[in-house]
Amino acid sequence: MNGWQRWLKAPATSGFRRFLFQVHLWLGIGFGLYVLMISITGSAIVLRTQIGTWLIQSQVENTDLPELTGAALEARISEVYTADAYTLRSFTPSTRPGRATYVVLERNGKEYTHYFDQYQGKDLGSTFPWQTQVIEWLVDLHDELLMGREGRRVNGWGGVLFMLMLVSGLLLWWQGSRRWHEGLLIRRDSPRSFMWQLHNFLGFWSLPLMLAWGLTAIYFAWPAPFDWVMDFADPDLNDFERPDGWLRLLIDLHFGRFRGLLWANILWVFLGLIPAVLIISGVVVWYRRVIRRRSV
């Protein structure tokens, strides 16, 4: 039996597979906390736009009350916020129907911005509440690891290692021509543990999505090679059209952008946790197979 036949029929006996297992294992162990963090923060920020819309009240209710303007509006704003020890710095009256007045305040040398209802004469809350601040911090952590441009490059290398983990995992998923189907489903009557089945099942079916995440992470760090590929594929550089539809699709998949489809965004919150589940299930399988056996 040559090497190829061995791989097709009995890959567990292949030295190359044992090497792949070590690569996949140590990538998971050494790289696991990073993947866990990226997975959780990525899911947390999928609904970033919607959360801002839900939390920030920038619209005023339709009422029969007269609209405060000019000096009367300024006096009412000062009256409301002075009670909370704010100093009014400026305000911008609404120029669109249903839009609240934008107010800039100061307290203890720090600037705050709020929306103000010019009909009912009341505060509508901060334009940047603490919940939004937390989301923006998570965005910075996910995109740049709180390190600016350098963090984006680190994420690029993270994308490279993640792709290597995916490719090695796919090759390990192959159990041979007689058992290849074992990684497609989770069965009660399987001799394999639930965690082993879950790891293989999720790893296989989510592979295209995870490849998109890994590839776009590399693109965000180093866009120049991708631009070169698109320029090479574009025979007319003067037509202002670029063959970048595939890249825009991958970026939409990365961020879960679905143009108003809230159910799809919510689905993406859960799909974004798949790498975290894979890391956890992989560690559990490794612990049961290696650490627990050594301690017995």
C-alpha atoms as a PDB file:
ATOM      1  CA  MET A   1       0.000   0.000   0.000  1.00  0.00           C
ATOM      2  CA  ASN A   2       1.567   3.269  -1.114  1.00  0.00           C
ATOM      3  CA  GLY A   3       1.257   6.549   0.783  1.00  0.00           C
ATOM      4  CA  TRP A   4      -1.787   7.778  -1.141  1.00  0.00           C
ATOM      5  CA  GLN A   5      -3.682   4.507  -0.669  1.00  0.00           C
ATOM      6  CA  ARG A   6      -2.776   4.537   3.011  1.00  0.00           C
ATOM      7  CA  TRP A   7      -4.181   8.080   3.314  1.00  0.00           C
ATOM      8  CA  LEU A   8      -7.422   7.130   1.535  1.00  0.00           C
ATOM      9  CA  LYS A   9      -8.096   3.903   3.429  1.00  0.00           C
ATOM     10  CA  ALA A  10      -6.277   4.087   6.759  1.00  0.00           C
ATOM     11  CA  PRO A  11      -5.007   7.635   7.433  1.00  0.00           C
ATOM     12  CA  ALA A  12      -4.529   6.873  11.151  1.00  0.00           C
ATOM     13  CA  THR A  13      -1.498   4.745  10.194  1.00  0.00           C
ATOM     14  CA  SER A  14       0.099   7.575   8.218  1.00  0.00           C
ATOM     15  CA  GLY A  15       3.101   9.401   9.650  1.00  0.00           C
ATOM     16  CA  PHE A  16       1.989  12.556   7.862  1.00  0.00           C
ATOM     17  CA  ARG A  17      -1.329  12.464   9.708  1.00  0.00           C
ATOM     18  CA  ARG A  18       0.440  12.106  13.035  1.00  0.00           C
ATOM     19  CA  PHE A  19       2.518  15.159  12.130  1.00  0.00           C
ATOM     20  CA  LEU A  20      -0.641  17.084  11.181  1.00  0.00           C
ATOM     21  CA  PHE A  21      -2.227  16.117  14.480  1.00  0.00           C
ATOM     22  CA  GLN A  22       0.689  17.629  16.396  1.00  0.00           C
ATOM     23  CA  VAL A  23       0.506  20.822  14.310  1.00  0.00           C
ATOM     24  CA  HIS A  24      -3.237  21.128  14.867  1.00  0.00           C
ATOM     25  CA  LEU A  25      -2.956  20.272  18.553  1.00  0.00           C
ATOM     26  CA  TRP A  26      -0.251  22.786  19.405  1.00  0.00           C
ATOM     27  CA  LEU A  27      -1.852  25.513  17.338  1.00  0.00           C
ATOM     28  CA  GLY A  28      -5.028  24.936  19.335  1.00  0.00           C
ATOM     29  CA  ILE A  29      -3.210  24.936  22.679  1.00  0.00           C
ATOM     30  CA  GLY A  30      -0.884  27.850  22.008  1.00  0.00           C
ATOM     31  CA  PHE A  31      -3.324  29.876  19.937  1.00  0.00           C
ATOM     32  CA  GLY A  32      -6.554  28.932  21.690  1.00  0.00           C
ATOM     33  CA  LEU A  33      -6.961  31.913  24.024  1.00  0.00           C
ATOM     34  CA  TYR A  34      -6.476  34.310  21.118  1.00  0.00           C
ATOM     35  CA  VAL A  35      -9.105  32.525  18.997  1.00  0.00           C
ATOM     36  CA  LEU A  36     -11.437  32.433  21.999  1.00  0.00           C
ATOM     37  CA  MET A  37     -11.095  36.192  22.492  1.00  0.00           C
ATOM     38  CA  ILE A  38     -11.525  37.019  18.799  1.00  0.00           C
ATOM     39  CA  SER A  39     -14.569  34.752  18.541  1.00  0.00           C
ATOM     40  CA  ILE A  40     -16.345  36.189  21.590  1.00  0.00           C
ATOM     41  CA  THR A  41     -15.593  39.839  20.806  1.00  0.00           C
ATOM     42  CA  GLY A  42     -16.553  39.326  17.155  1.00  0.00           C
ATOM     43  CA  SER A  43     -19.949  37.986  18.176  1.00  0.00           C
ATOM     44  CA  ALA A  44     -20.422  40.779  20.717  1.00  0.00           C
ATOM     45  CA  ILE A  45     -20.008  43.535  18.120  1.00  0.00           C
ATOM     46  CA  VAL A  46     -22.149  42.096  15.302  1.00  0.00           C
ATOM     47  CA  LEU A  47     -25.144  44.091  16.580  1.00  0.00           C
ATOM     48  CA  ARG A  48     -23.065  47.231  17.070  1.00  0.00           C
ATOM     49  CA  THR A  49     -25.235  49.419  14.826  1.00  0.00           C
ATOM     50  CA  GLN A  50     -28.511  48.061  16.173  1.00  0.00           C
ATOM     51  CA  ILE A  51     -27.400  48.478  19.787  1.00  0.00           C
ATOM     52  CA  GLY A  52     -26.566  52.114  19.103  1.00  0.00           C
ATOM     53  CA  THR A  53     -29.998  52.622  17.570  1.00  0.00           C
ATOM     54  CA  TRP A  54     -31.730  50.958  20.514  1.00  0.00           C
ATOM     55  CA  LEU A  55     -29.808  52.809  23.217  1.00  0.00           C
ATOM     56  CA  ILE A  56     -29.402  56.303  21.788  1.00  0.00           C
ATOM     57  CA  GLN A  57     -32.669  58.239  21.700  1.00  0.00           C
ATOM     58  CA  SER A  58     -32.103  60.841  19.004  1.00  0.00           C
ATOM     59  CA  GLN A  59     -35.724  61.124  17.861  1.00  0.00           C
ATOM     60  CA  VAL A  60     -38.508  63.122  19.494  1.00  0.00           C
ATOM     61  CA  GLU A  61     -42.091  61.980  19.782  1.00  0.00           C
ATOM     62  CA  ASN A  62     -44.774  63.733  17.776  1.00  0.00           C
ATOM     63  CA  THR A  63     -46.679  65.982  20.157  1.00  0.00           C
ATOM     64  CA  ASP A  64     -49.057  68.899  19.998  1.00  0.00           C
ATOM     65  CA  LEU A  65     -46.718  70.975  22.163  1.00  0.00           C
ATOM     66  CA  PRO A  66     -45.045  74.008  20.588  1.00  0.00           C
ATOM     67  CA  GLU A  67     -41.397  73.652  19.664  1.00  0.00           C
ATOM     68  CA  LEU A  68     -38.926  75.572  21.807  1.00  0.00           C
ATOM     69  CA  THR A  69     -36.533  77.672  19.742  1.00  0.00           C
ATOM     70  CA  GLY A  70     -33.926  80.399  20.187  1.00  0.00           C
ATOM     71  CA  ALA A  71     -33.580  81.954  23.631  1.00  0.00           C
ATOM     72  CA  ALA A  72     -36.451  79.915  25.060  1.00  0.00           C
ATOM     73  CA  LEU A  73     -34.761  76.668  24.034  1.00  0.00           C
ATOM     74  CA  GLU A  74     -31.410  77.799  25.448  1.00  0.00           C
ATOM     75  CA  ALA A  75     -33.010  78.810  28.751  1.00  0.00           C
ATOM     76  CA  ARG A  76     -34.779  75.462  29.102  1.00  0.00           C
ATOM     77  CA  ILE A  77     -31.621  73.498  28.275  1.00  0.00           C
ATOM     78  CA  SER A  78     -29.635  75.475  30.850  1.00  0.00           C
ATOM     79  CA  GLU A  79     -32.349  74.921  33.446  1.00  0.00           C
ATOM     80  CA  VAL A  80     -32.435  71.146  32.921  1.00  0.00           C
ATOM     81  CA  TYR A  81     -28.698  70.517  32.927  1.00  0.00           C
ATOM     82  CA  THR A  82     -27.656  73.052  35.558  1.00  0.00           C
ATOM     83  CA  ALA A  83     -29.480  70.893  38.109  1.00  0.00           C
ATOM     84  CA  ASP A  84     -26.923  68.146  37.349  1.00  0.00           C
ATOM     85  CA  ALA A  85     -23.959  70.534  37.609  1.00  0.00           C
ATOM     86  CA  TYR A  86     -23.427  70.713  33.852  1.00  0.00           C
ATOM     87  CA  THR A  87     -22.404  73.896  32.027  1.00  0.00           C
ATOM     88  CA  LEU A  88     -23.968  74.476  28.622  1.00  0.00           C
ATOM     89  CA  ARG A  89     -21.310  75.036  25.973  1.00  0.00           C
ATOM     90  CA  SER A  90     -23.400  74.917  22.799  1.00  0.00           C
ATOM     91  CA  PHE A  91     -26.431  73.353  21.199  1.00  0.00           C
ATOM     92  CA  THR A  92     -27.479  72.604  17.631  1.00  0.00           C
ATOM     93  CA  PRO A  93     -31.213  72.853  16.909  1.00  0.00           C
ATOM     94  CA  SER A  94     -32.761  70.109  14.825  1.00  0.00           C
ATOM     95  CA  THR A  95     -32.951  70.685  11.071  1.00  0.00           C
ATOM     96  CA  ARG A  96     -35.003  67.570  10.352  1.00  0.00           C
ATOM     97  CA  PRO A  97     -38.507  66.664  11.516  1.00  0.00           C
ATOM     98  CA  GLY A  98     -38.469  64.284  14.446  1.00  0.00           C
ATOM     99  CA  ARG A  99     -34.798  64.898  15.240  1.00  0.00           C
ATOM    100  CA  ALA A 100     -33.753  65.981  18.743  1.00  0.00           C
ATOM    101  CA  THR A 101     -31.540  68.947  19.612  1.00  0.00           C
ATOM    102  CA  TYR A 102     -27.830  68.151  19.950  1.00  0.00           C
ATOM    103  CA  VAL A 103     -26.350  69.582  23.153  1.00  0.00           C
ATOM    104  CA  VAL A 104     -22.694  69.951  24.190  1.00  0.00           C
ATOM    105  CA  LEU A 105     -22.107  70.157  27.954  1.00  0.00           C
ATOM    106  CA  GLU A 106     -19.144  70.417  30.306  1.00  0.00           C
ATOM    107  CA  ARG A 107     -18.611  69.176  33.837  1.00  0.00           C
ATOM    108  CA  ASN A 108     -15.347  69.068  35.789  1.00  0.00           C
ATOM    109  CA  GLY A 109     -13.411  69.917  32.653  1.00  0.00           C
ATOM    110  CA  LYS A 110     -14.843  67.013  30.643  1.00  0.00           C
ATOM    111  CA  GLU A 111     -17.116  67.311  27.619  1.00  0.00           C
ATOM    112  CA  TYR A 112     -20.425  65.457  27.316  1.00  0.00           C
ATOM    113  CA  THR A 113     -22.961  65.358  24.499  1.00  0.00           C
ATOM    114  CA  HIS A 114     -26.681  64.714  24.918  1.00  0.00           C
ATOM    115  CA  TYR A 115     -29.896  64.769  22.916  1.00  0.00           C
ATOM    116  CA  PHE A 116     -32.644  67.113  24.122  1.00  0.00           C
ATOM    117  CA  ASP A 117     -36.380  67.026  23.344  1.00  0.00           C
ATOM    118  CA  GLN A 118     -37.237  70.548  22.187  1.00  0.00           C
ATOM    119  CA  TYR A 119     -40.973  69.894  22.475  1.00  0.00           C
ATOM    120  CA  GLN A 120     -41.223  68.437  25.956  1.00  0.00           C
ATOM    121  CA  GLY A 121     -38.157  70.265  27.255  1.00  0.00           C
ATOM    122  CA  LYS A 122     -36.400  67.202  28.673  1.00  0.00           C
ATOM    123  CA  ASP A 123     -33.121  65.336  28.396  1.00  0.00           C
ATOM    124  CA  LEU A 124     -33.131  62.233  26.161  1.00  0.00           C
ATOM    125  CA  GLY A 125     -29.802  60.875  27.335  1.00  0.00           C
ATOM    126  CA  SER A 126     -26.190  60.711  26.263  1.00  0.00           C
ATOM    127  CA  THR A 127     -25.158  60.386  22.626  1.00  0.00           C
ATOM    128  CA  PHE A 128     -22.449  57.995  23.808  1.00  0.00           C
ATOM    129  CA  PRO A 129     -23.794  55.925  26.762  1.00  0.00           C
ATOM    130  CA  TRP A 130     -21.592  53.525  28.701  1.00  0.00           C
ATOM    131  CA  GLN A 131     -23.025  50.526  26.861  1.00  0.00           C
ATOM    132  CA  THR A 132     -21.909  52.027  23.549  1.00  0.00           C
ATOM    133  CA  GLN A 133     -18.502  52.803  25.040  1.00  0.00           C
ATOM    134  CA  VAL A 134     -18.129  49.135  25.987  1.00  0.00           C
ATOM    135  CA  ILE A 135     -19.072  48.064  22.456  1.00  0.00           C
ATOM    136  CA  GLU A 136     -16.538  50.467  20.930  1.00  0.00           C
ATOM    137  CA  TRP A 137     -13.855  49.149  23.293  1.00  0.00           C
ATOM    138  CA  LEU A 138     -14.670  45.614  22.146  1.00  0.00           C
ATOM    139  CA  VAL A 139     -14.450  46.775  18.517  1.00  0.00           C
ATOM    140  CA  ASP A 140     -10.976  48.177  19.169  1.00  0.00           C
ATOM    141  CA  LEU A 141      -9.959  44.956  20.946  1.00  0.00           C
ATOM    142  CA  HIS A 142     -11.265  42.784  18.115  1.00  0.00           C
ATOM    143  CA  ASP A 143      -9.949  44.864  15.213  1.00  0.00           C
ATOM    144  CA  GLU A 144      -6.615  46.096  16.544  1.00  0.00           C
ATOM    145  CA  LEU A 145      -6.036  44.399  19.930  1.00  0.00           C
ATOM    146  CA  LEU A 146      -5.966  47.890  21.533  1.00  0.00           C
ATOM    147  CA  MET A 147      -2.628  48.412  19.741  1.00  0.00           C
ATOM    148  CA  GLY A 148      -3.577  50.540  16.740  1.00  0.00           C
ATOM    149  CA  ARG A 149      -2.186  49.653  13.326  1.00  0.00           C
ATOM    150  CA  GLU A 150       0.348  47.264  14.850  1.00  0.00           C
ATOM    151  CA  GLY A 151      -2.500  45.285  16.382  1.00  0.00           C
ATOM    152  CA  ARG A 152      -4.079  44.897  12.958  1.00  0.00           C
ATOM    153  CA  ARG A 153      -0.856  43.370  11.667  1.00  0.00           C
ATOM    154  CA  VAL A 154      -0.792  40.992  14.631  1.00  0.00           C
ATOM    155  CA  ASN A 155      -4.340  40.002  13.694  1.00  0.00           C
ATOM    156  CA  GLY A 156      -3.076  39.382  10.164  1.00  0.00           C
ATOM    157  CA  TRP A 157      -0.607  36.817  11.482  1.00  0.00           C
ATOM    158  CA  GLY A 158      -3.444  35.474  13.595  1.00  0.00           C
ATOM    159  CA  GLY A 159      -5.397  35.000  10.370  1.00  0.00           C
ATOM    160  CA  VAL A 160      -2.479  33.091   8.839  1.00  0.00           C
ATOM    161  CA  LEU A 161      -2.242  30.734  11.817  1.00  0.00           C
ATOM    162  CA  PHE A 162      -6.007  30.363  11.870  1.00  0.00           C
ATOM    163  CA  MET A 163      -5.980  29.304   8.199  1.00  0.00           C
ATOM    164  CA  LEU A 164      -3.242  26.781   8.989  1.00  0.00           C
ATOM    165  CA  MET A 165      -5.366  25.434  11.824  1.00  0.00           C
ATOM    166  CA  LEU A 166      -8.354  25.106   9.478  1.00  0.00           C
ATOM    167  CA  VAL A 167      -6.423  23.296   6.744  1.00  0.00           C
ATOM    168  CA  SER A 168      -4.824  20.869   9.201  1.00  0.00           C
ATOM    169  CA  GLY A 169      -8.205  20.308  10.841  1.00  0.00           C
ATOM    170  CA  LEU A 170      -9.819  19.526   7.502  1.00  0.00           C
ATOM    171  CA  LEU A 171      -7.141  16.950   6.679  1.00  0.00           C
ATOM    172  CA  LEU A 172      -7.520  15.397  10.118  1.00  0.00           C
ATOM    173  CA  TRP A 173     -11.276  15.270   9.648  1.00  0.00           C
ATOM    174  CA  TRP A 174     -10.741  12.608   6.975  1.00  0.00           C
ATOM    175  CA  GLN A 175     -11.088   9.259   8.772  1.00  0.00           C
ATOM    176  CA  GLY A 176     -10.713   7.048   5.719  1.00  0.00           C
ATOM    177  CA  SER A 177     -12.994   5.919   2.907  1.00  0.00           C
ATOM    178  CA  ARG A 178     -15.062   3.720   5.240  1.00  0.00           C
ATOM    179  CA  ARG A 179     -15.475   6.224   8.080  1.00  0.00           C
ATOM    180  CA  TRP A 180     -15.459   9.619   6.370  1.00  0.00           C
ATOM    181  CA  HIS A 181     -19.163  10.156   7.127  1.00  0.00           C
ATOM    182  CA  GLU A 182     -18.587  10.038  10.895  1.00  0.00           C
ATOM    183  CA  GLY A 183     -17.689  13.722  10.928  1.00  0.00           C
ATOM    184  CA  LEU A 184     -20.862  14.841   9.152  1.00  0.00           C
ATOM    185  CA  LEU A 185     -23.420  14.090  11.852  1.00  0.00           C
ATOM    186  CA  ILE A 186     -23.759  13.798  15.604  1.00  0.00           C
ATOM    187  CA  ARG A 187     -25.189  10.375  16.471  1.00  0.00           C
ATOM    188  CA  ARG A 188     -26.233   8.868  19.785  1.00  0.00           C
ATOM    189  CA  ASP A 189     -25.055   5.413  18.783  1.00  0.00           C
ATOM    190  CA  SER A 190     -21.573   6.567  17.783  1.00  0.00           C
ATOM    191  CA  PRO A 191     -18.637   5.048  19.690  1.00  0.00           C
ATOM    192  CA  ARG A 192     -17.067   8.503  19.664  1.00  0.00           C
ATOM    193  CA  SER A 193     -17.648  10.957  22.508  1.00  0.00           C
ATOM    194  CA  PHE A 194     -20.075  13.823  22.071  1.00  0.00           C
ATOM    195  CA  MET A 195     -17.244  16.376  22.244  1.00  0.00           C
ATOM    196  CA  TRP A 196     -15.292  14.586  19.514  1.00  0.00           C
ATOM    197  CA  GLN A 197     -18.377  14.489  17.291  1.00  0.00           C
ATOM    198  CA  LEU A 198     -19.221  18.128  18.014  1.00  0.00           C
ATOM    199  CA  HIS A 199     -15.682  19.234  17.159  1.00  0.00           C
ATOM    200  CA  ASN A 200     -15.669  17.409  13.835  1.00  0.00           C
ATOM    201  CA  PHE A 201     -19.257  18.315  12.949  1.00  0.00           C
ATOM    202  CA  LEU A 202     -18.847  22.061  13.555  1.00  0.00           C
ATOM    203  CA  GLY A 203     -15.383  22.137  12.038  1.00  0.00           C
ATOM    204  CA  PHE A 204     -16.565  20.614   8.774  1.00  0.00           C
ATOM    205  CA  TRP A 205     -19.834  22.469   8.223  1.00  0.00           C
ATOM    206  CA  SER A 206     -18.521  25.883   9.271  1.00  0.00           C
ATOM    207  CA  LEU A 207     -15.300  25.607   7.254  1.00  0.00           C
ATOM    208  CA  PRO A 208     -16.297  28.005   4.409  1.00  0.00           C
ATOM    209  CA  LEU A 209     -17.334  30.694   6.891  1.00  0.00           C
ATOM    210  CA  MET A 210     -14.180  30.310   8.975  1.00  0.00           C
ATOM    211  CA  LEU A 211     -12.031  30.451   5.831  1.00  0.00           C
ATOM    212  CA  ALA A 212     -13.739  33.752   4.999  1.00  0.00           C
ATOM    213  CA  TRP A 213     -12.951  35.086   8.482  1.00  0.00           C
ATOM    214  CA  GLY A 214      -9.317  34.038   8.265  1.00  0.00           C
ATOM    215  CA  LEU A 215      -8.799  35.385   4.751  1.00  0.00           C
ATOM    216  CA  THR A 216     -10.345  38.776   5.529  1.00  0.00           C
ATOM    217  CA  ALA A 217      -8.224  39.077   8.689  1.00  0.00           C
ATOM    218  CA  ILE A 218      -5.186  38.748   6.422  1.00  0.00           C
ATOM    219  CA  TYR A 219      -6.669  41.294   3.998  1.00  0.00           C
ATOM    220  CA  PHE A 220      -7.274  43.890   6.726  1.00  0.00           C
ATOM    221  CA  ALA A 221      -3.595  43.621   7.726  1.00  0.00           C
ATOM    222  CA  TRP A 222      -2.076  43.518   4.238  1.00  0.00           C
ATOM    223  CA  PRO A 223      -4.502  44.724   1.523  1.00  0.00           C
ATOM    224  CA  ALA A 224      -1.803  45.345  -1.114  1.00  0.00           C
ATOM    225  CA  PRO A 225      -1.512  41.714  -2.398  1.00  0.00           C
ATOM    226  CA  PHE A 226      -5.298  41.516  -2.753  1.00  0.00           C
ATOM    227  CA  ASP A 227      -5.327  44.806  -4.683  1.00  0.00           C
ATOM    228  CA  TRP A 228      -2.617  43.414  -6.965  1.00  0.00           C
ATOM    229  CA  VAL A 229      -4.728  40.342  -7.706  1.00  0.00           C
ATOM    230  CA  MET A 230      -7.750  42.506  -8.564  1.00  0.00           C
ATOM    231  CA  ASP A 231      -5.639  44.786 -10.783  1.00  0.00           C
ATOM    232  CA  PHE A 232      -4.211  41.747 -12.541  1.00  0.00           C
ATOM    233  CA  ALA A 233      -7.730  40.422 -13.155  1.00  0.00           C
ATOM    234  CA  ASP A 234      -8.963  43.787 -14.451  1.00  0.00           C
ATOM    235  CA  PRO A 235      -8.087  44.190 -18.157  1.00  0.00           C
ATOM    236  CA  ASP A 236      -9.215  47.833 -18.257  1.00  0.00           C
ATOM    237  CA  LEU A 237      -7.900  49.956 -15.391  1.00  0.00           C
ATOM    238  CA  ASN A 238      -9.635  53.071 -16.738  1.00  0.00           C
ATOM    239  CA  ASP A 239     -13.247  51.865 -16.553  1.00  0.00           C
ATOM    240  CA  PHE A 240     -13.573  52.626 -12.803  1.00  0.00           C
ATOM    241  CA  GLU A 241     -14.852  49.093 -12.216  1.00  0.00           C
ATOM    242  CA  ARG A 242     -12.988  46.528 -10.154  1.00  0.00           C
ATOM    243  CA  PRO A 243     -13.550  42.766  -9.936  1.00  0.00           C
ATOM    244  CA  ASP A 244     -13.842  43.013  -6.150  1.00  0.00           C
ATOM    245  CA  GLY A 245     -17.338  41.624  -5.636  1.00  0.00           C
ATOM    246  CA  TRP A 246     -15.917  38.452  -4.086  1.00  0.00           C
ATOM    247  CA  LEU A 247     -13.877  40.502  -1.610  1.00  0.00           C
ATOM    248  CA  ARG A 248     -16.825  42.688  -0.630  1.00  0.00           C
ATOM    249  CA  LEU A 249     -18.862  39.521  -0.080  1.00  0.00           C
ATOM    250  CA  LEU A 250     -16.155  38.110   2.214  1.00  0.00           C
ATOM    251  CA  ILE A 251     -16.033  41.376   4.172  1.00  0.00           C
ATOM    252  CA  ASP A 252     -19.831  41.345   4.574  1.00  0.00           C
ATOM    253  CA  LEU A 253     -19.575  37.758   5.828  1.00  0.00           C
ATOM    254  CA  HIS A 254     -16.828  38.764   8.226  1.00  0.00           C
ATOM    255  CA  PHE A 255     -18.854  41.537   9.860  1.00  0.00           C
ATOM    256  CA  GLY A 256     -22.329  40.048   9.402  1.00  0.00           C
ATOM    257  CA  ARG A 257     -23.625  42.883   7.233  1.00  0.00           C
ATOM    258  CA  PHE A 258     -27.031  41.987   5.859  1.00  0.00           C
ATOM    259  CA  ARG A 259     -28.656  45.363   5.156  1.00  0.00           C
ATOM    260  CA  GLY A 260     -31.503  45.429   7.640  1.00  0.00           C
ATOM    261  CA  LEU A 261     -32.020  41.672   8.109  1.00  0.00           C
ATOM    262  CA  LEU A 262     -32.018  41.589  11.910  1.00  0.00           C
ATOM    263  CA  TRP A 263     -32.594  37.825  12.051  1.00  0.00           C
ATOM    264  CA  ALA A 264     -29.446  37.284   9.975  1.00  0.00           C
ATOM    265  CA  ASN A 265     -27.427  39.530  12.302  1.00  0.00           C
ATOM    266  CA  ILE A 266     -28.689  37.599  15.327  1.00  0.00           C
ATOM    267  CA  LEU A 267     -27.791  34.331  13.581  1.00  0.00           C
ATOM    268  CA  TRP A 268     -24.281  35.718  13.011  1.00  0.00           C
ATOM    269  CA  VAL A 269     -23.927  36.378  16.744  1.00  0.00           C
ATOM    270  CA  PHE A 270     -24.230  32.630  17.337  1.00  0.00           C
ATOM    271  CA  LEU A 271     -22.193  31.595  14.289  1.00  0.00           C
ATOM    272  CA  GLY A 272     -19.393  33.862  15.478  1.00  0.00           C
ATOM    273  CA  LEU A 273     -19.050  31.690  18.583  1.00  0.00           C
ATOM    274  CA  ILE A 274     -18.230  28.551  16.548  1.00  0.00           C
ATOM    275  CA  PRO A 275     -14.422  29.041  16.796  1.00  0.00           C
ATOM    276  CA  ALA A 276     -14.788  29.399  20.571  1.00  0.00           C
ATOM    277  CA  VAL A 277     -16.804  26.171  20.747  1.00  0.00           C
ATOM    278  CA  LEU A 278     -14.207  24.410  18.595  1.00  0.00           C
ATOM    279  CA  ILE A 279     -11.390  25.520  20.868  1.00  0.00           C
ATOM    280  CA  ILE A 280     -13.252  24.432  24.009  1.00  0.00           C
ATOM    281  CA  SER A 281     -14.333  21.064  22.555  1.00  0.00           C
ATOM    282  CA  GLY A 282     -10.829  20.443  21.206  1.00  0.00           C
ATOM    283  CA  VAL A 283      -9.266  21.120  24.605  1.00  0.00           C
ATOM    284  CA  VAL A 284     -11.774  18.776  26.275  1.00  0.00           C
ATOM    285  CA  VAL A 285     -10.993  15.979  23.781  1.00  0.00           C
ATOM    286  CA  TRP A 286      -7.247  16.524  24.259  1.00  0.00           C
ATOM    287  CA  TYR A 287      -7.593  16.512  28.048  1.00  0.00           C
ATOM    288  CA  ARG A 288      -9.582  13.283  28.062  1.00  0.00           C
ATOM    289  CA  ARG A 289      -7.274  11.508  25.618  1.00  0.00           C
ATOM    290  CA  VAL A 290      -3.904  12.719  26.873  1.00  0.00           C
ATOM    291  CA  ILE A 291      -3.906  14.334  30.296  1.00  0.00           C
ATOM    292  CA  ARG A 292      -6.476  12.080  31.969  1.00  0.00           C
ATOM    293  CA  ARG A 293      -4.858   8.902  30.587  1.00  0.00           C
ATOM    294  CA  ARG A 294      -1.439   9.963  31.844  1.00  0.00           C
ATOM    295  CA  SER A 295      -2.820  10.601  35.314  1.00  0.00           C
ATOM    296  CA  VAL A 296      -4.464   7.163  35.556  1.00  0.00           C
END
